[in-house]
């Protein structure tokens, strides 16, 4: 696609939001490895110690691209946001997308084998999963969501220990 396609349409108020699924709550994060921005293998266990929002997406997925700018709003000092591309054609396309979208606050992780999707039995992109600091699933959102909105802010708080 051309860079002009990458921006994607703006999310409008009242647009359908993803489906919240709590049926996997308490399940440990999968052990599947994927690539960090430097191309080194990492696993979700490497990020234990603080809540983790894992967004599985791809450059060819329009709803993924629409929600990407809102993921920036979800990240803060107490939450790591991990965007893991399921693109099969490699890092070049994903890095170009990040550069064009100026997503400098997000890092580009890659799962070219789709190992996370297989281990999590996910067949829809985007899917976003919240893990607590111990690496246990809190919930997953199947489909696009507004991560800058009040609803998702409240959901993300569920991974934080009570003050």
C-alpha atoms as a PDB file:
ATOM      1  CA  UNK A   1       0.000   0.000   0.000  1.00  0.00           C
ATOM      2  CA  UNK A   2       0.934   3.587  -0.387  1.00  0.00           C
ATOM      3  CA  UNK A   3       1.749   5.697   2.663  1.00  0.00           C
ATOM      4  CA  UNK A   4      -1.473   7.686   2.266  1.00  0.00           C
ATOM      5  CA  UNK A   5      -3.440   4.489   2.960  1.00  0.00           C
ATOM      6  CA  UNK A   6      -1.568   3.929   6.230  1.00  0.00           C
ATOM      7  CA  UNK A   7      -3.118   6.859   8.038  1.00  0.00           C
ATOM      8  CA  UNK A   8      -6.519   5.139   7.969  1.00  0.00           C
ATOM      9  CA  UNK A   9      -9.830   6.856   8.588  1.00  0.00           C
ATOM     10  CA  UNK A  10     -10.404   8.651  11.875  1.00  0.00           C
ATOM     11  CA  UNK A  11     -12.384   6.761  14.462  1.00  0.00           C
ATOM     12  CA  UNK A  12     -15.751   8.435  14.926  1.00  0.00           C
ATOM     13  CA  UNK A  13     -17.756   8.552  18.140  1.00  0.00           C
ATOM     14  CA  UNK A  14     -20.210   5.698  18.185  1.00  0.00           C
ATOM     15  CA  UNK A  15     -18.000   3.484  16.022  1.00  0.00           C
ATOM     16  CA  UNK A  16     -18.279  -0.155  17.100  1.00  0.00           C
ATOM     17  CA  UNK A  17     -15.806  -1.120  19.780  1.00  0.00           C
ATOM     18  CA  UNK A  18     -14.135  -4.425  20.372  1.00  0.00           C
ATOM     19  CA  UNK A  19     -15.631  -7.310  22.291  1.00  0.00           C
ATOM     20  CA  UNK A  20     -14.384  -7.729  25.855  1.00  0.00           C
ATOM     21  CA  UNK A  21     -13.593 -11.319  26.835  1.00  0.00           C
ATOM     22  CA  UNK A  22     -12.758 -12.304  30.426  1.00  0.00           C
ATOM     23  CA  UNK A  23     -12.965 -16.077  29.897  1.00  0.00           C
ATOM     24  CA  UNK A  24      -9.152 -16.433  29.911  1.00  0.00           C
ATOM     25  CA  UNK A  25      -8.603 -14.425  33.137  1.00  0.00           C
ATOM     26  CA  UNK A  26      -5.779 -15.799  35.267  1.00  0.00           C
ATOM     27  CA  UNK A  27      -4.138 -17.716  32.413  1.00  0.00           C
ATOM     28  CA  UNK A  28      -0.358 -17.230  32.243  1.00  0.00           C
ATOM     29  CA  UNK A  29       1.069 -15.353  29.268  1.00  0.00           C
ATOM     30  CA  UNK A  30       2.173 -17.685  26.455  1.00  0.00           C
ATOM     31  CA  UNK A  31       5.833 -18.659  26.271  1.00  0.00           C
ATOM     32  CA  UNK A  32       6.066 -18.088  22.492  1.00  0.00           C
ATOM     33  CA  UNK A  33       8.978 -15.922  21.430  1.00  0.00           C
ATOM     34  CA  UNK A  34       8.830 -12.994  19.002  1.00  0.00           C
ATOM     35  CA  UNK A  35      11.266 -10.263  17.890  1.00  0.00           C
ATOM     36  CA  UNK A  36      12.043  -7.043  19.734  1.00  0.00           C
ATOM     37  CA  UNK A  37      12.774  -3.850  17.718  1.00  0.00           C
ATOM     38  CA  UNK A  38      16.408  -4.965  17.320  1.00  0.00           C
ATOM     39  CA  UNK A  39      15.353  -8.358  15.928  1.00  0.00           C
ATOM     40  CA  UNK A  40      16.337 -10.264  19.089  1.00  0.00           C
ATOM     41  CA  UNK A  41      14.013 -12.966  20.485  1.00  0.00           C
ATOM     42  CA  UNK A  42      11.901 -11.977  23.513  1.00  0.00           C
ATOM     43  CA  UNK A  43       8.926 -13.466  25.345  1.00  0.00           C
ATOM     44  CA  UNK A  44       6.120 -11.827  27.301  1.00  0.00           C
ATOM     45  CA  UNK A  45       7.781 -13.106  30.504  1.00  0.00           C
ATOM     46  CA  UNK A  46      10.621 -10.637  29.816  1.00  0.00           C
ATOM     47  CA  UNK A  47       8.200  -7.788  30.619  1.00  0.00           C
ATOM     48  CA  UNK A  48       6.945  -9.046  34.002  1.00  0.00           C
ATOM     49  CA  UNK A  49       6.935  -6.619  36.888  1.00  0.00           C
ATOM     50  CA  UNK A  50       4.407  -4.123  35.575  1.00  0.00           C
ATOM     51  CA  UNK A  51       1.077  -4.438  33.768  1.00  0.00           C
ATOM     52  CA  UNK A  52       1.405  -5.136  30.040  1.00  0.00           C
ATOM     53  CA  UNK A  53      -1.040  -4.295  27.256  1.00  0.00           C
ATOM     54  CA  UNK A  54      -0.243  -6.528  24.257  1.00  0.00           C
ATOM     55  CA  UNK A  55      -1.708  -5.395  20.956  1.00  0.00           C
ATOM     56  CA  UNK A  56      -1.590  -7.952  18.108  1.00  0.00           C
ATOM     57  CA  UNK A  57      -1.973  -6.125  14.794  1.00  0.00           C
ATOM     58  CA  UNK A  58      -0.834  -6.024  11.156  1.00  0.00           C
ATOM     59  CA  UNK A  59      -0.178  -3.317   8.566  1.00  0.00           C
ATOM     60  CA  UNK A  60      -2.854  -4.831   6.277  1.00  0.00           C
ATOM     61  CA  UNK A  61      -5.552  -4.662   8.988  1.00  0.00           C
ATOM     62  CA  UNK A  62      -7.600  -1.438   8.662  1.00  0.00           C
ATOM     63  CA  UNK A  63      -9.132  -1.529  12.195  1.00  0.00           C
ATOM     64  CA  UNK A  64      -5.622  -2.106  13.615  1.00  0.00           C
ATOM     65  CA  UNK A  65      -4.337   0.991  11.863  1.00  0.00           C
ATOM     66  CA  UNK A  66      -7.348   3.042  13.016  1.00  0.00           C
ATOM     67  CA  UNK A  67      -6.769   2.204  16.683  1.00  0.00           C
ATOM     68  CA  UNK A  68      -2.960   2.526  16.659  1.00  0.00           C
ATOM     69  CA  UNK A  69      -2.850   6.275  17.480  1.00  0.00           C
ATOM     70  CA  UNK A  70      -5.098   5.711  20.500  1.00  0.00           C
ATOM     71  CA  UNK A  71      -2.681   3.111  21.921  1.00  0.00           C
ATOM     72  CA  UNK A  72      -0.263   5.968  22.527  1.00  0.00           C
ATOM     73  CA  UNK A  73      -2.753   7.390  25.024  1.00  0.00           C
ATOM     74  CA  UNK A  74      -2.911   4.116  26.977  1.00  0.00           C
ATOM     75  CA  UNK A  75       0.768   4.002  27.869  1.00  0.00           C
ATOM     76  CA  UNK A  76       2.087   5.523  31.069  1.00  0.00           C
ATOM     77  CA  UNK A  77       4.755   4.851  33.692  1.00  0.00           C
ATOM     78  CA  UNK A  78       2.711   2.001  35.181  1.00  0.00           C
ATOM     79  CA  UNK A  79       1.776   0.270  31.930  1.00  0.00           C
ATOM     80  CA  UNK A  80       3.934  -1.091  29.124  1.00  0.00           C
ATOM     81  CA  UNK A  81       2.179  -1.140  25.728  1.00  0.00           C
ATOM     82  CA  UNK A  82       3.565  -3.786  23.389  1.00  0.00           C
ATOM     83  CA  UNK A  83       2.496  -3.658  19.742  1.00  0.00           C
ATOM     84  CA  UNK A  84       3.327  -7.005  18.135  1.00  0.00           C
ATOM     85  CA  UNK A  85       2.918  -7.068  14.362  1.00  0.00           C
ATOM     86  CA  UNK A  86       1.685 -10.275  12.772  1.00  0.00           C
ATOM     87  CA  UNK A  87       3.021  -9.204   9.356  1.00  0.00           C
ATOM     88  CA  UNK A  88       4.665 -12.047   7.473  1.00  0.00           C
ATOM     89  CA  UNK A  89       6.709  -9.887   5.073  1.00  0.00           C
ATOM     90  CA  UNK A  90       9.147  -8.740   7.684  1.00  0.00           C
ATOM     91  CA  UNK A  91      10.315  -5.731   9.577  1.00  0.00           C
ATOM     92  CA  UNK A  92      10.783  -3.266   6.701  1.00  0.00           C
ATOM     93  CA  UNK A  93       7.057  -2.782   6.109  1.00  0.00           C
ATOM     94  CA  UNK A  94       6.284  -2.482   9.834  1.00  0.00           C
ATOM     95  CA  UNK A  95       9.111  -0.011  10.465  1.00  0.00           C
ATOM     96  CA  UNK A  96       7.989   2.098   7.491  1.00  0.00           C
ATOM     97  CA  UNK A  97       4.459   2.163   8.935  1.00  0.00           C
ATOM     98  CA  UNK A  98       5.751   3.284  12.354  1.00  0.00           C
ATOM     99  CA  UNK A  99       7.964   5.945  10.770  1.00  0.00           C
ATOM    100  CA  UNK A 100       5.132   7.281   8.604  1.00  0.00           C
ATOM    101  CA  UNK A 101       2.663   7.304  11.496  1.00  0.00           C
ATOM    102  CA  UNK A 102       5.256   8.943  13.752  1.00  0.00           C
ATOM    103  CA  UNK A 103       4.552   6.372  16.464  1.00  0.00           C
ATOM    104  CA  UNK A 104       7.832   7.249  18.164  1.00  0.00           C
ATOM    105  CA  UNK A 105       6.468   6.394  21.627  1.00  0.00           C
ATOM    106  CA  UNK A 106       5.654   2.806  20.594  1.00  0.00           C
ATOM    107  CA  UNK A 107       8.234   0.186  19.736  1.00  0.00           C
ATOM    108  CA  UNK A 108       7.867  -2.162  16.818  1.00  0.00           C
ATOM    109  CA  UNK A 109       7.778  -5.821  17.858  1.00  0.00           C
ATOM    110  CA  UNK A 110       7.331  -8.509  15.230  1.00  0.00           C
ATOM    111  CA  UNK A 111       5.878 -12.027  15.317  1.00  0.00           C
ATOM    112  CA  UNK A 112       6.421 -13.217  11.722  1.00  0.00           C
ATOM    113  CA  UNK A 113       5.611 -16.815  12.717  1.00  0.00           C
ATOM    114  CA  UNK A 114       2.304 -15.695  14.324  1.00  0.00           C
ATOM    115  CA  UNK A 115       3.361 -17.790  17.331  1.00  0.00           C
ATOM    116  CA  UNK A 116       1.469 -15.633  19.836  1.00  0.00           C
ATOM    117  CA  UNK A 117      -1.740 -15.825  17.810  1.00  0.00           C
ATOM    118  CA  UNK A 118      -1.454 -19.605  17.583  1.00  0.00           C
ATOM    119  CA  UNK A 119      -0.649 -20.099  21.264  1.00  0.00           C
ATOM    120  CA  UNK A 120      -3.456 -17.722  22.313  1.00  0.00           C
ATOM    121  CA  UNK A 121      -5.860 -19.276  19.755  1.00  0.00           C
ATOM    122  CA  UNK A 122      -6.619 -15.848  18.285  1.00  0.00           C
ATOM    123  CA  UNK A 123      -8.070 -15.534  14.796  1.00  0.00           C
ATOM    124  CA  UNK A 124      -9.034 -11.846  14.731  1.00  0.00           C
ATOM    125  CA  UNK A 125      -6.862  -8.744  14.465  1.00  0.00           C
ATOM    126  CA  UNK A 126      -6.597  -6.502  16.280  1.00  0.00           C
ATOM    127  CA  UNK A 127      -6.731  -8.366  19.563  1.00  0.00           C
ATOM    128  CA  UNK A 128      -5.393  -6.623  22.651  1.00  0.00           C
ATOM    129  CA  UNK A 129      -4.666  -8.498  25.887  1.00  0.00           C
ATOM    130  CA  UNK A 130      -4.059  -7.003  29.317  1.00  0.00           C
ATOM    131  CA  UNK A 131      -1.654  -8.883  31.600  1.00  0.00           C
ATOM    132  CA  UNK A 132      -1.057  -8.029  35.242  1.00  0.00           C
ATOM    133  CA  UNK A 133       2.454  -7.530  36.677  1.00  0.00           C
ATOM    134  CA  UNK A 134       2.736 -11.293  37.314  1.00  0.00           C
ATOM    135  CA  UNK A 135       2.024 -12.113  33.664  1.00  0.00           C
ATOM    136  CA  UNK A 136      -1.541 -13.390  34.187  1.00  0.00           C
ATOM    137  CA  UNK A 137      -4.241 -12.422  31.710  1.00  0.00           C
ATOM    138  CA  UNK A 138      -6.856  -9.965  32.997  1.00  0.00           C
ATOM    139  CA  UNK A 139      -8.965  -9.668  29.823  1.00  0.00           C
ATOM    140  CA  UNK A 140      -8.729  -9.482  26.052  1.00  0.00           C
ATOM    141  CA  UNK A 141     -10.389  -7.142  23.581  1.00  0.00           C
ATOM    142  CA  UNK A 142     -11.186  -8.617  20.180  1.00  0.00           C
ATOM    143  CA  UNK A 143     -11.540  -5.942  17.510  1.00  0.00           C
ATOM    144  CA  UNK A 144     -10.818  -2.243  17.439  1.00  0.00           C
ATOM    145  CA  UNK A 145     -11.050  -0.128  20.589  1.00  0.00           C
ATOM    146  CA  UNK A 146     -10.508   3.501  21.481  1.00  0.00           C
ATOM    147  CA  UNK A 147      -7.590   3.187  23.907  1.00  0.00           C
ATOM    148  CA  UNK A 148      -7.792   6.912  24.672  1.00  0.00           C
ATOM    149  CA  UNK A 149     -11.376   6.599  25.933  1.00  0.00           C
ATOM    150  CA  UNK A 150     -12.778   6.432  29.469  1.00  0.00           C
ATOM    151  CA  UNK A 151     -14.079   2.864  29.067  1.00  0.00           C
ATOM    152  CA  UNK A 152     -10.666   1.438  28.231  1.00  0.00           C
ATOM    153  CA  UNK A 153      -8.927   3.581  30.874  1.00  0.00           C
ATOM    154  CA  UNK A 154     -11.184   1.975  33.484  1.00  0.00           C
ATOM    155  CA  UNK A 155     -10.501  -1.501  32.112  1.00  0.00           C
ATOM    156  CA  UNK A 156      -6.733  -0.983  32.151  1.00  0.00           C
ATOM    157  CA  UNK A 157      -6.881   0.024  35.841  1.00  0.00           C
ATOM    158  CA  UNK A 158      -7.956  -3.560  36.613  1.00  0.00           C
ATOM    159  CA  UNK A 159      -4.346  -4.689  36.168  1.00  0.00           C
ATOM    160  CA  UNK A 160      -3.032  -2.224  38.736  1.00  0.00           C
ATOM    161  CA  UNK A 161      -2.761  -3.278  42.351  1.00  0.00           C
ATOM    162  CA  UNK A 162      -4.968  -1.261  44.729  1.00  0.00           C
ATOM    163  CA  UNK A 163      -3.136   1.790  46.051  1.00  0.00           C
END
